[in-house]
Amino acid sequence: MHNQLSASAQDYMKTIYRLTLEQEYASTNQVAQQIGVAPASATGMIQRLAASQPPLVIYQKHRGTRLTRDGERTALEIIRHHRLLETYLVNALGYSWDTVHEEACRLEHVISEEFEMRIAAFLGNPQRDPHGELIPSAELVMPADLSCPLSELRPNEKATITQVHANDPALLRYLESIGITPGVQVEALGYSPFDQTLEIKISGHKPKTLGFGITSQISVEMQSPVRSNNI
């Protein structure tokens, strides 16, 4: 299905998928802002996707848009391509994790299903990309995500970093410089409820205080006992 869509339409599918992970509908303004176009342009594309056969989105004028089942599978196929390509670029071609996003964005629209299968087999069918993002299966099912934001960690709790939800190369380089990469264990040393800053300790690095703007973009799997509601 995806190869019948323009690269622009595919970008809309990915964007709507991401926006509706935590809300039922994505507003036209949200989609336009994410894509970087005027709301009228976003509305036109969404209406075309809704009129396609089969329909890829459901559009309600005053509510917004969401993917149909066919639309979700199309979005997951594009996301699978992107994350497999990022993994291949890092593991096979020596790219760093801060340089692969744009390359994968260009390539995801043009690779064949045969090429996708060969990449997946070469890589050993990985479940996560270099940033720890989950890779949809070959059946286009997104694996369950049991992680929570690093921002939820509190003093004396430990967790393992699973994902970094960031495409900004400068931010990725900074996080790597302070030891924050998937698979690393972190421990919370302090938390300020006033400005939501979190002091963490990473093995081999000095303690670091991070703001919510960063900790909210990092996912972890908790290792310490769940906090009591009485604490």
Protein backbone atom coordinates (compact mmCIF):
# COMPACT_ATOMS: atom_id res chain seq x y z
CA MET A 1 0.00 0.00 0.00
CA HIS A 2 2.65 2.52 1.01
CA ASN A 3 4.40 2.53 -2.37
CA GLN A 4 1.18 3.77 -3.99
CA LEU A 5 1.38 6.96 -1.91
CA SER A 6 3.57 9.99 -2.44
CA ALA A 7 6.37 10.62 0.05
CA SER A 8 4.36 13.56 1.36
CA ALA A 9 1.27 11.42 1.95
CA GLN A 10 3.41 8.84 3.75
CA ASP A 11 4.73 11.56 6.05
CA TYR A 12 1.14 12.47 6.92
CA MET A 13 0.40 8.85 7.78
CA LYS A 14 3.37 8.67 10.16
CA THR A 15 2.47 11.99 11.74
CA ILE A 16 -1.16 11.09 12.35
CA TYR A 17 -0.06 7.76 13.83
CA ARG A 18 2.27 9.47 16.31
CA LEU A 19 -0.26 12.13 17.27
CA THR A 20 -3.02 9.60 17.95
CA LEU A 21 -0.99 7.31 20.17
CA GLU A 22 -2.31 9.18 23.22
CA GLN A 23 -5.44 10.83 21.82
CA GLU A 24 -8.29 9.56 19.67
CA TYR A 25 -8.13 12.27 17.02
CA ALA A 26 -5.38 14.59 15.79
CA SER A 27 -6.46 18.12 14.95
CA THR A 28 -5.68 19.58 11.55
CA ASN A 29 -3.61 22.28 13.22
CA GLN A 30 -1.52 19.66 15.05
CA VAL A 31 -0.86 17.78 11.83
CA ALA A 32 -0.02 20.98 9.96
CA GLN A 33 2.40 22.07 12.66
CA GLN A 34 4.18 18.73 12.68
CA ILE A 35 4.46 18.58 8.89
CA GLY A 36 5.36 22.26 8.55
CA VAL A 37 2.54 23.34 6.24
CA ALA A 38 -0.47 25.65 6.41
CA PRO A 39 -3.62 24.19 8.00
CA ALA A 40 -5.46 24.48 4.68
CA SER A 41 -2.80 22.33 2.98
CA ALA A 42 -3.03 19.72 5.74
CA THR A 43 -6.82 19.64 5.44
CA GLY A 44 -6.58 19.07 1.69
CA MET A 45 -4.20 16.12 2.09
CA ILE A 46 -6.25 14.60 4.91
CA GLN A 47 -9.40 14.82 2.80
CA ARG A 48 -7.61 13.05 -0.07
CA LEU A 49 -6.47 10.29 2.26
CA ALA A 50 -10.02 9.95 3.57
CA ALA A 51 -11.34 9.65 0.00
CA SER A 52 -8.77 7.05 -1.09
CA GLN A 53 -9.78 3.44 -1.74
CA PRO A 54 -9.55 1.95 0.78
CA PRO A 55 -9.85 5.03 3.04
CA LEU A 56 -6.66 5.56 5.04
CA VAL A 57 -8.00 8.11 7.52
CA ILE A 58 -11.29 9.16 9.05
CA TYR A 59 -11.81 12.92 8.98
CA GLN A 60 -14.36 14.94 10.95
CA LYS A 61 -14.32 18.66 10.31
CA HIS A 62 -14.53 19.88 13.90
CA ARG A 63 -12.82 16.91 15.52
CA GLY A 64 -9.82 16.07 13.40
CA THR A 65 -8.47 12.86 11.92
CA ARG A 66 -7.43 9.36 12.85
CA LEU A 67 -6.18 6.37 10.91
CA THR A 68 -8.37 3.56 9.66
CA ARG A 69 -7.11 0.01 10.09
CA ASP A 70 -5.66 0.13 6.57
CA GLY A 71 -4.13 3.50 7.38
CA GLU A 72 -2.54 2.20 10.56
CA ARG A 73 -0.95 -0.73 8.72
CA THR A 74 0.38 1.68 6.10
CA ALA A 75 1.88 3.93 8.79
CA LEU A 76 3.44 0.98 10.60
CA GLU A 77 4.99 -0.25 7.35
CA ILE A 78 6.66 3.12 6.79
CA ILE A 79 7.80 3.27 10.43
CA ARG A 80 9.22 -0.26 10.11
CA HIS A 81 11.19 0.81 7.03
CA HIS A 82 12.52 3.88 8.82
CA ARG A 83 13.66 2.11 11.96
CA LEU A 84 15.19 -0.83 10.13
CA LEU A 85 17.09 1.61 7.91
CA GLU A 86 18.40 3.52 10.93
CA THR A 87 19.57 0.24 12.44
CA TYR A 88 21.24 -0.84 9.21
CA LEU A 89 23.00 2.50 8.79
CA VAL A 90 24.44 2.28 12.30
CA ASN A 91 25.24 -1.43 12.49
CA ALA A 92 26.43 -2.08 8.94
CA LEU A 93 27.64 1.27 7.62
CA GLY A 94 29.06 2.87 10.74
CA TYR A 95 26.77 5.90 10.99
CA SER A 96 26.39 7.46 14.44
CA TRP A 97 22.94 7.56 16.04
CA ASP A 98 22.74 11.35 15.62
CA THR A 99 23.15 11.24 11.82
CA VAL A 100 20.75 8.51 10.68
CA HIS A 101 17.31 10.14 10.95
CA GLU A 102 17.45 12.30 7.83
CA GLU A 103 19.03 9.52 5.77
CA ALA A 104 16.30 7.09 6.84
CA CYS A 105 13.62 9.71 6.09
CA ARG A 106 14.82 9.88 2.50
CA LEU A 107 15.17 6.13 2.00
CA GLU A 108 12.04 4.89 3.78
CA HIS A 109 9.79 5.96 0.89
CA VAL A 110 11.60 4.06 -1.85
CA ILE A 111 12.85 0.69 -0.58
CA SER A 112 11.05 -2.45 -1.75
CA GLU A 113 9.54 -5.10 0.50
CA GLU A 114 12.26 -7.48 -0.70
CA PHE A 115 14.93 -5.03 0.43
CA GLU A 116 13.16 -4.57 3.76
CA MET A 117 13.11 -8.35 4.35
CA ARG A 118 16.79 -8.68 3.45
CA ILE A 119 17.78 -5.86 5.83
CA ALA A 120 15.73 -7.39 8.65
CA ALA A 121 17.29 -10.83 8.09
CA PHE A 122 20.81 -9.36 7.89
CA LEU A 123 20.28 -7.55 11.19
CA GLY A 124 18.80 -10.60 12.92
CA ASN A 125 15.26 -9.19 12.99
CA PRO A 126 15.90 -6.55 15.67
CA GLN A 127 13.10 -5.29 17.91
CA ARG A 128 14.58 -1.84 18.51
CA ASP A 129 16.44 0.76 16.46
CA PRO A 130 19.61 2.61 17.58
CA HIS A 131 17.52 5.05 19.64
CA GLY A 132 15.68 2.18 21.33
CA GLU A 133 12.47 2.83 19.40
CA LEU A 134 10.39 -0.32 18.92
CA ILE A 135 10.31 -1.71 15.37
CA PRO A 136 6.94 -2.96 14.07
CA SER A 137 7.01 -6.64 13.23
CA ALA A 138 6.93 -8.01 9.69
CA GLU A 139 3.21 -8.58 10.32
CA LEU A 140 2.92 -4.82 11.02
CA VAL A 141 2.21 -5.15 14.72
CA MET A 142 3.87 -2.73 17.12
CA PRO A 143 5.40 -4.60 20.10
CA ALA A 144 4.05 -3.74 23.53
CA ASP A 145 5.88 -0.91 25.26
CA LEU A 146 6.25 -1.37 29.03
CA SER A 147 8.43 1.69 29.56
CA CYS A 148 7.69 4.97 31.30
CA PRO A 149 9.27 8.43 30.98
CA LEU A 150 12.53 9.05 32.84
CA SER A 151 10.77 12.10 34.28
CA GLU A 152 8.74 9.74 36.53
CA LEU A 153 11.84 8.43 38.31
CA ARG A 154 12.22 9.55 41.93
CA PRO A 155 15.14 9.44 44.42
CA ASN A 156 16.60 5.98 45.13
CA GLU A 157 14.82 4.42 42.17
CA LYS A 158 16.79 2.71 39.42
CA ALA A 159 15.84 2.04 35.82
CA THR A 160 17.29 0.99 32.48
CA ILE A 161 17.08 3.38 29.55
CA THR A 162 15.09 1.81 26.72
CA GLN A 163 14.37 4.62 24.26
CA VAL A 164 15.40 8.15 23.37
CA HIS A 165 12.59 9.93 21.53
CA ALA A 166 14.66 12.65 19.90
CA ASN A 167 15.73 13.49 16.35
CA ASP A 168 17.79 16.58 17.19
CA PRO A 169 21.42 15.64 16.40
CA ALA A 170 22.80 18.12 18.95
CA LEU A 171 20.63 16.68 21.72
CA LEU A 172 21.58 13.11 20.80
CA ARG A 173 25.28 14.01 20.89
CA TYR A 174 24.81 15.69 24.28
CA LEU A 175 22.98 12.69 25.73
CA GLU A 176 25.68 10.34 24.47
CA SER A 177 28.37 12.57 26.00
CA ILE A 178 26.79 12.21 29.46
CA GLY A 179 26.26 8.47 29.06
CA ILE A 180 22.56 8.37 28.22
CA THR A 181 22.03 5.67 25.60
CA PRO A 182 19.68 2.65 25.42
CA GLY A 183 20.65 -0.15 27.78
CA VAL A 184 22.34 2.08 30.38
CA GLN A 185 21.24 1.95 34.02
CA VAL A 186 20.37 5.20 35.78
CA GLU A 187 19.61 6.02 39.39
CA ALA A 188 17.64 9.04 40.58
CA LEU A 189 19.45 11.01 43.27
CA GLY A 190 17.16 14.01 43.63
CA TYR A 191 14.01 15.60 42.29
CA SER A 192 12.66 19.15 42.42
CA PRO A 193 8.85 19.36 42.15
CA PHE A 194 9.07 23.11 41.59
CA ASP A 195 10.89 23.04 38.25
CA GLN A 196 10.66 19.26 37.57
CA THR A 197 14.41 18.80 37.39
CA LEU A 198 15.83 15.35 38.07
CA GLU A 199 19.34 14.58 39.32
CA ILE A 200 20.54 11.23 38.05
CA LYS A 201 23.64 9.06 38.36
CA ILE A 202 24.94 7.06 35.43
CA SER A 203 27.70 4.50 35.87
CA GLY A 204 31.08 6.01 34.95
CA HIS A 205 29.77 9.57 34.84
CA LYS A 206 29.29 12.39 37.30
CA PRO A 207 25.74 13.06 38.56
CA LYS A 208 23.77 15.24 36.18
CA THR A 209 20.66 17.38 36.65
CA LEU A 210 18.26 17.34 33.72
CA GLY A 211 15.11 19.32 33.02
CA PHE A 212 11.70 17.96 32.11
CA GLY A 213 12.23 18.92 28.47
CA ILE A 214 14.91 16.21 28.28
CA THR A 215 13.69 13.61 30.80
CA SER A 216 10.27 13.50 29.12
CA GLN A 217 11.95 12.38 25.88
CA ILE A 218 13.71 9.40 27.46
CA SER A 219 11.93 6.14 28.26
CA VAL A 220 13.03 3.67 30.93
CA GLU A 221 12.04 0.34 32.43
CA MET A 222 11.86 0.51 36.20
CA GLN A 223 14.10 -1.77 38.26
CA SER A 224 13.23 -0.59 41.75
CA PRO A 225 10.05 -1.51 43.67
CA VAL A 226 6.93 0.48 42.87
CA ARG A 227 6.48 3.42 45.24
CA SER A 228 3.80 3.19 47.88
CA ASN A 229 0.95 5.70 47.64
CA ASN A 230 1.56 6.47 51.31
CA ILE A 231 5.05 7.83 50.69
